[in-house]
């Protein structure tokens, strides 16, 4: 193996690791965004007079 081949495979490995980490971050962000929108919708509906039992499944 030459030095350029080794550094190329190391660079590919580093990129694969970075891509995997970024995908994990984006997945967590998507989950948090969904959770935040759900909570906001519940608060807005409650504020508009909707009974919380119709909004929050944990209260049923």
Protein backbone atom coordinates (compact mmCIF):
# COMPACT_ATOMS: atom_id res chain seq x y z
CA UNK A 1 0.00 0.00 0.00
CA UNK A 2 1.25 3.46 -0.81
CA UNK A 3 1.02 6.50 1.41
CA UNK A 4 -1.66 8.06 -0.80
CA UNK A 5 -3.83 4.92 -0.58
CA UNK A 6 -3.54 4.82 3.19
CA UNK A 7 -4.37 8.51 3.61
CA UNK A 8 -7.25 8.14 1.16
CA UNK A 9 -8.80 5.28 3.11
CA UNK A 10 -8.22 7.17 6.37
CA UNK A 11 -9.97 10.19 4.89
CA UNK A 12 -12.88 8.00 3.75
CA UNK A 13 -13.12 6.48 7.21
CA UNK A 14 -13.09 9.92 8.83
CA UNK A 15 -15.81 11.10 6.43
CA UNK A 16 -17.94 8.01 7.15
CA UNK A 17 -17.63 8.69 10.87
CA UNK A 18 -18.56 12.35 10.41
CA UNK A 19 -21.55 11.45 8.24
CA UNK A 20 -22.78 8.92 10.83
CA UNK A 21 -22.46 11.48 13.63
CA UNK A 22 -24.31 14.12 11.62
CA UNK A 23 -27.13 11.68 10.84
CA UNK A 24 -27.47 10.91 14.56
CA UNK A 25 -27.60 14.62 15.40
CA UNK A 26 -30.24 15.24 12.73
CA UNK A 27 -32.33 12.29 13.95
CA UNK A 28 -32.24 13.67 17.50
CA UNK A 29 -33.10 17.14 16.21
CA UNK A 30 -36.06 15.75 14.25
CA UNK A 31 -37.31 14.02 17.39
CA UNK A 32 -36.95 17.16 19.49
CA UNK A 33 -38.66 19.27 16.82
CA UNK A 34 -41.60 16.85 16.74
CA UNK A 35 -41.83 16.85 20.53
CA UNK A 36 -41.69 20.65 20.69
CA UNK A 37 -44.40 21.06 18.04
CA UNK A 38 -46.63 18.54 19.83
CA UNK A 39 -46.23 20.30 23.17
CA UNK A 40 -46.83 23.71 21.57
CA UNK A 41 -49.98 22.46 19.84
CA UNK A 42 -51.30 21.06 23.14
CA UNK A 43 -50.65 24.34 24.95
CA UNK A 44 -52.30 26.38 22.19
CA UNK A 45 -55.33 24.08 22.12
CA UNK A 46 -55.64 24.17 25.90
CA UNK A 47 -55.40 27.96 25.82
CA UNK A 48 -58.21 28.01 23.26
CA UNK A 49 -60.45 26.05 25.61
CA UNK A 50 -59.98 22.48 24.42
CA UNK A 51 -60.20 20.03 27.32
CA UNK A 52 -56.73 18.70 28.11
CA UNK A 53 -58.05 15.13 28.20
CA UNK A 54 -58.74 15.38 24.46
CA UNK A 55 -55.22 16.65 23.83
CA UNK A 56 -52.92 14.72 26.20
CA UNK A 57 -53.22 10.95 25.92
CA UNK A 58 -51.49 10.49 29.27
CA UNK A 59 -54.48 12.08 31.03
CA UNK A 60 -56.94 9.53 29.62
